[in-house]
Amino acid sequence: MIIDRIVNAPLYYSVHPKFKSAFEYIQQIDVDGIPAGRYEIDGENMYALVQEYNTKLKEQGIWEAHRRYIDLQYVVQGAEGIGYSNITHLQQDEYQASKDFLPLHGKGDLVTVHSGSFVLLFPEDAHMPGMAVDASAPVKKVVIKIAI
């Protein structure tokens, strides 16, 4: 997992060949005005999910990981907690290939991601997004799914 401010995005361009175009997409769209939904960038190789929701209590969270995609999660408005653990520290359920969803169970750490910050989550990074920091609050986020 990598967590940083969007202004530092160029530091990560060389980590993966698609990271530059993923970060540039975020910087080129009207992140405040774009409505929630799915947006194609490069077909199934890279697409964006714009999400708006209220954060939830940690007890309501679900651990997940992905095998086919890296997540670039950029918080546009608000702040949320994101649970993190290496998948080897959690118990795995059956992988759902059609959703690229690996449900997990166990405990991990919680980091706060503020507006203007992003996290990069790789297949070994179990995460629990959408957690309340102090109390439930609205969040707007752009998630870029980047094929491995």
C-alpha atoms as a PDB file:
ATOM      1  CA  MET A   1       0.000   0.000   0.000  1.00  0.00           C
ATOM      2  CA  ILE A   2       1.117   3.503  -0.842  1.00  0.00           C
ATOM      3  CA  ILE A   3      -0.548   6.589   0.637  1.00  0.00           C
ATOM      4  CA  ASP A   4       0.316  10.138  -0.407  1.00  0.00           C
ATOM      5  CA  ARG A   5      -1.045  13.484  -1.590  1.00  0.00           C
ATOM      6  CA  ILE A   6      -2.145  13.828  -5.233  1.00  0.00           C
ATOM      7  CA  VAL A   7       0.419  16.622  -5.751  1.00  0.00           C
ATOM      8  CA  ASN A   8       3.113  13.946  -5.366  1.00  0.00           C
ATOM      9  CA  ALA A   9       1.630  11.657  -8.037  1.00  0.00           C
ATOM     10  CA  PRO A  10       4.601  12.055 -10.452  1.00  0.00           C
ATOM     11  CA  LEU A  11       6.800  10.246  -7.913  1.00  0.00           C
ATOM     12  CA  TYR A  12       4.874   7.046  -8.685  1.00  0.00           C
ATOM     13  CA  TYR A  13       4.705   7.138 -12.496  1.00  0.00           C
ATOM     14  CA  SER A  14       7.596   4.682 -12.838  1.00  0.00           C
ATOM     15  CA  VAL A  15       6.130   2.100 -10.431  1.00  0.00           C
ATOM     16  CA  HIS A  16       3.687   0.755 -13.037  1.00  0.00           C
ATOM     17  CA  PRO A  17       3.345   1.567 -16.759  1.00  0.00           C
ATOM     18  CA  LYS A  18      -0.308   2.651 -16.355  1.00  0.00           C
ATOM     19  CA  PHE A  19       0.070   4.834 -13.270  1.00  0.00           C
ATOM     20  CA  LYS A  20       0.897   8.016 -15.188  1.00  0.00           C
ATOM     21  CA  SER A  21      -2.284   7.859 -17.268  1.00  0.00           C
ATOM     22  CA  ALA A  22      -4.365   6.936 -14.186  1.00  0.00           C
ATOM     23  CA  PHE A  23      -3.131   9.952 -12.222  1.00  0.00           C
ATOM     24  CA  GLU A  24      -3.488  12.210 -15.265  1.00  0.00           C
ATOM     25  CA  TYR A  25      -7.117  11.109 -15.628  1.00  0.00           C
ATOM     26  CA  ILE A  26      -7.837  12.241 -12.062  1.00  0.00           C
ATOM     27  CA  GLN A  27      -6.074  15.548 -12.624  1.00  0.00           C
ATOM     28  CA  GLN A  28      -7.871  16.244 -15.930  1.00  0.00           C
ATOM     29  CA  ILE A  29     -11.481  15.586 -14.910  1.00  0.00           C
ATOM     30  CA  ASP A  30     -13.661  17.921 -12.856  1.00  0.00           C
ATOM     31  CA  VAL A  31     -13.467  15.764  -9.719  1.00  0.00           C
ATOM     32  CA  ASP A  32     -15.874  17.994  -7.812  1.00  0.00           C
ATOM     33  CA  GLY A  33     -18.499  18.066 -10.569  1.00  0.00           C
ATOM     34  CA  ILE A  34     -18.327  14.563 -12.056  1.00  0.00           C
ATOM     35  CA  PRO A  35     -21.372  12.497 -11.048  1.00  0.00           C
ATOM     36  CA  ALA A  36     -21.134   9.064  -9.438  1.00  0.00           C
ATOM     37  CA  GLY A  37     -20.814   6.223 -11.935  1.00  0.00           C
ATOM     38  CA  ARG A  38     -18.422   4.155 -14.026  1.00  0.00           C
ATOM     39  CA  TYR A  39     -16.205   5.822 -16.640  1.00  0.00           C
ATOM     40  CA  GLU A  40     -14.177   4.007 -19.274  1.00  0.00           C
ATOM     41  CA  ILE A  41     -10.546   5.029 -19.644  1.00  0.00           C
ATOM     42  CA  ASP A  42      -9.046   2.043 -21.484  1.00  0.00           C
ATOM     43  CA  GLY A  43     -11.807  -0.556 -21.562  1.00  0.00           C
ATOM     44  CA  GLU A  44     -11.292  -3.311 -19.002  1.00  0.00           C
ATOM     45  CA  ASN A  45      -7.603  -2.369 -18.743  1.00  0.00           C
ATOM     46  CA  MET A  46      -8.426   0.782 -16.799  1.00  0.00           C
ATOM     47  CA  TYR A  47     -11.660   2.395 -15.715  1.00  0.00           C
ATOM     48  CA  ALA A  48     -12.877   4.828 -13.057  1.00  0.00           C
ATOM     49  CA  LEU A  49     -15.574   4.422 -10.447  1.00  0.00           C
ATOM     50  CA  VAL A  50     -16.786   7.712  -8.990  1.00  0.00           C
ATOM     51  CA  GLN A  51     -18.396   7.020  -5.627  1.00  0.00           C
ATOM     52  CA  GLU A  52     -20.389   9.147  -3.177  1.00  0.00           C
ATOM     53  CA  TYR A  53     -21.456   7.661   0.156  1.00  0.00           C
ATOM     54  CA  ASN A  54     -21.508   8.096   3.909  1.00  0.00           C
ATOM     55  CA  THR A  55     -18.725   6.373   5.797  1.00  0.00           C
ATOM     56  CA  LYS A  56     -19.690   3.525   8.110  1.00  0.00           C
ATOM     57  CA  LEU A  57     -18.586   2.114  11.438  1.00  0.00           C
ATOM     58  CA  LYS A  58     -15.652  -0.298  11.379  1.00  0.00           C
ATOM     59  CA  GLU A  59     -17.935  -3.090  12.613  1.00  0.00           C
ATOM     60  CA  GLN A  60     -19.855  -2.749   9.335  1.00  0.00           C
ATOM     61  CA  GLY A  61     -16.735  -2.933   7.174  1.00  0.00           C
ATOM     62  CA  ILE A  62     -15.714  -5.777   4.901  1.00  0.00           C
ATOM     63  CA  TRP A  63     -12.127  -6.762   4.194  1.00  0.00           C
ATOM     64  CA  GLU A  64     -11.370  -7.239   0.508  1.00  0.00           C
ATOM     65  CA  ALA A  65      -8.544  -7.714  -1.955  1.00  0.00           C
ATOM     66  CA  HIS A  66      -8.316  -8.030  -5.730  1.00  0.00           C
ATOM     67  CA  ARG A  67      -6.308 -10.275  -8.034  1.00  0.00           C
ATOM     68  CA  ARG A  68      -6.792  -8.664 -11.455  1.00  0.00           C
ATOM     69  CA  TYR A  69      -6.667  -4.966 -10.568  1.00  0.00           C
ATOM     70  CA  ILE A  70      -4.643  -2.434  -8.609  1.00  0.00           C
ATOM     71  CA  ASP A  71      -6.830   0.185  -6.923  1.00  0.00           C
ATOM     72  CA  LEU A  72      -5.937   3.859  -7.047  1.00  0.00           C
ATOM     73  CA  GLN A  73      -8.369   5.411  -4.567  1.00  0.00           C
ATOM     74  CA  TYR A  74      -8.427   9.225  -4.501  1.00  0.00           C
ATOM     75  CA  VAL A  75     -10.507  11.047  -1.892  1.00  0.00           C
ATOM     76  CA  VAL A  76     -12.066  14.124  -3.495  1.00  0.00           C
ATOM     77  CA  GLN A  77     -14.196  15.375  -0.597  1.00  0.00           C
ATOM     78  CA  GLY A  78     -14.302  14.366   3.060  1.00  0.00           C
ATOM     79  CA  ALA A  79     -12.096  11.898   4.879  1.00  0.00           C
ATOM     80  CA  GLU A  80     -12.363   8.177   5.442  1.00  0.00           C
ATOM     81  CA  GLY A  81     -10.611   5.442   7.294  1.00  0.00           C
ATOM     82  CA  ILE A  82      -9.236   2.604   5.204  1.00  0.00           C
ATOM     83  CA  GLY A  83      -8.353  -0.625   6.907  1.00  0.00           C
ATOM     84  CA  TYR A  84      -5.104  -2.239   5.784  1.00  0.00           C
ATOM     85  CA  SER A  85      -3.429  -5.612   6.256  1.00  0.00           C
ATOM     86  CA  ASN A  86      -1.318  -7.913   4.141  1.00  0.00           C
ATOM     87  CA  ILE A  87      -3.601 -10.713   2.923  1.00  0.00           C
ATOM     88  CA  THR A  88      -1.341 -13.324   4.540  1.00  0.00           C
ATOM     89  CA  HIS A  89      -2.472 -12.019   7.958  1.00  0.00           C
ATOM     90  CA  LEU A  90      -6.171 -12.547   7.234  1.00  0.00           C
ATOM     91  CA  GLN A  91      -8.369 -15.561   6.613  1.00  0.00           C
ATOM     92  CA  GLN A  92      -9.457 -15.830   2.987  1.00  0.00           C
ATOM     93  CA  ASP A  93     -12.895 -16.794   1.751  1.00  0.00           C
ATOM     94  CA  GLU A  94     -13.640 -18.000  -1.787  1.00  0.00           C
ATOM     95  CA  TYR A  95     -12.432 -15.654  -4.518  1.00  0.00           C
ATOM     96  CA  GLN A  96     -15.268 -14.304  -6.708  1.00  0.00           C
ATOM     97  CA  ALA A  97     -13.629 -14.033 -10.129  1.00  0.00           C
ATOM     98  CA  SER A  98     -16.578 -12.334 -11.841  1.00  0.00           C
ATOM     99  CA  LYS A  99     -16.268  -9.406  -9.398  1.00  0.00           C
ATOM    100  CA  ASP A 100     -12.482  -9.663  -8.827  1.00  0.00           C
ATOM    101  CA  PHE A 101     -13.387  -9.787  -5.151  1.00  0.00           C
ATOM    102  CA  LEU A 102     -11.558 -11.735  -2.456  1.00  0.00           C
ATOM    103  CA  PRO A 103     -13.438 -11.481   0.870  1.00  0.00           C
ATOM    104  CA  LEU A 104     -11.247 -11.713   3.955  1.00  0.00           C
ATOM    105  CA  HIS A 105     -11.659 -11.856   7.733  1.00  0.00           C
ATOM    106  CA  GLY A 106      -9.444 -10.742  10.580  1.00  0.00           C
ATOM    107  CA  LYS A 107      -7.882  -7.599  11.964  1.00  0.00           C
ATOM    108  CA  GLY A 108      -5.667  -4.902  10.546  1.00  0.00           C
ATOM    109  CA  ASP A 109      -4.711  -1.276  10.904  1.00  0.00           C
ATOM    110  CA  LEU A 110      -6.774   1.783  10.057  1.00  0.00           C
ATOM    111  CA  VAL A 111      -5.327   4.795   8.240  1.00  0.00           C
ATOM    112  CA  THR A 112      -7.123   8.072   7.581  1.00  0.00           C
ATOM    113  CA  VAL A 113      -7.205   9.334   4.007  1.00  0.00           C
ATOM    114  CA  HIS A 114      -8.082  13.021   3.712  1.00  0.00           C
ATOM    115  CA  SER A 115      -9.372  15.026   0.770  1.00  0.00           C
ATOM    116  CA  GLY A 116      -6.569  15.455  -1.772  1.00  0.00           C
ATOM    117  CA  SER A 117      -4.876  12.178  -0.817  1.00  0.00           C
ATOM    118  CA  PHE A 118      -4.764   8.793  -2.515  1.00  0.00           C
ATOM    119  CA  VAL A 119      -3.916   5.193  -1.748  1.00  0.00           C
ATOM    120  CA  LEU A 120      -2.529   2.589  -4.128  1.00  0.00           C
ATOM    121  CA  LEU A 121      -3.619  -0.930  -3.237  1.00  0.00           C
ATOM    122  CA  PHE A 122      -1.923  -3.936  -4.819  1.00  0.00           C
ATOM    123  CA  PRO A 123      -3.187  -7.556  -4.849  1.00  0.00           C
ATOM    124  CA  GLU A 124      -1.413  -8.361  -1.564  1.00  0.00           C
ATOM    125  CA  ASP A 125      -3.024  -5.345   0.122  1.00  0.00           C
ATOM    126  CA  ALA A 126      -6.211  -6.314   1.931  1.00  0.00           C
ATOM    127  CA  HIS A 127      -8.290  -3.220   2.530  1.00  0.00           C
ATOM    128  CA  MET A 128     -11.518  -2.106   4.150  1.00  0.00           C
ATOM    129  CA  PRO A 129     -12.578   1.194   2.560  1.00  0.00           C
ATOM    130  CA  GLY A 130     -15.317   3.596   3.588  1.00  0.00           C
ATOM    131  CA  MET A 131     -14.780   3.594   7.347  1.00  0.00           C
ATOM    132  CA  ALA A 132     -15.871   6.515   9.531  1.00  0.00           C
ATOM    133  CA  VAL A 133     -13.059   8.521  11.083  1.00  0.00           C
ATOM    134  CA  ASP A 134     -15.002   9.914  14.067  1.00  0.00           C
ATOM    135  CA  ALA A 135     -18.607   9.654  12.930  1.00  0.00           C
ATOM    136  CA  SER A 136     -20.359   8.793   9.693  1.00  0.00           C
ATOM    137  CA  ALA A 137     -19.747  11.552   7.137  1.00  0.00           C
ATOM    138  CA  PRO A 138     -20.131  12.052   3.380  1.00  0.00           C
ATOM    139  CA  VAL A 139     -17.226  11.179   1.090  1.00  0.00           C
ATOM    140  CA  LYS A 140     -16.649  11.529  -2.622  1.00  0.00           C
ATOM    141  CA  LYS A 141     -13.965   9.316  -4.089  1.00  0.00           C
ATOM    142  CA  VAL A 142     -12.571   8.353  -7.485  1.00  0.00           C
ATOM    143  CA  VAL A 143     -11.357   4.751  -7.704  1.00  0.00           C
ATOM    144  CA  ILE A 144      -9.272   3.877 -10.756  1.00  0.00           C
ATOM    145  CA  LYS A 145      -9.122   0.129 -11.456  1.00  0.00           C
ATOM    146  CA  ILE A 146      -5.797  -0.643 -13.160  1.00  0.00           C
ATOM    147  CA  ALA A 147      -5.352  -4.090 -14.719  1.00  0.00           C
ATOM    148  CA  ILE A 148      -2.209  -5.886 -13.651  1.00  0.00           C
END
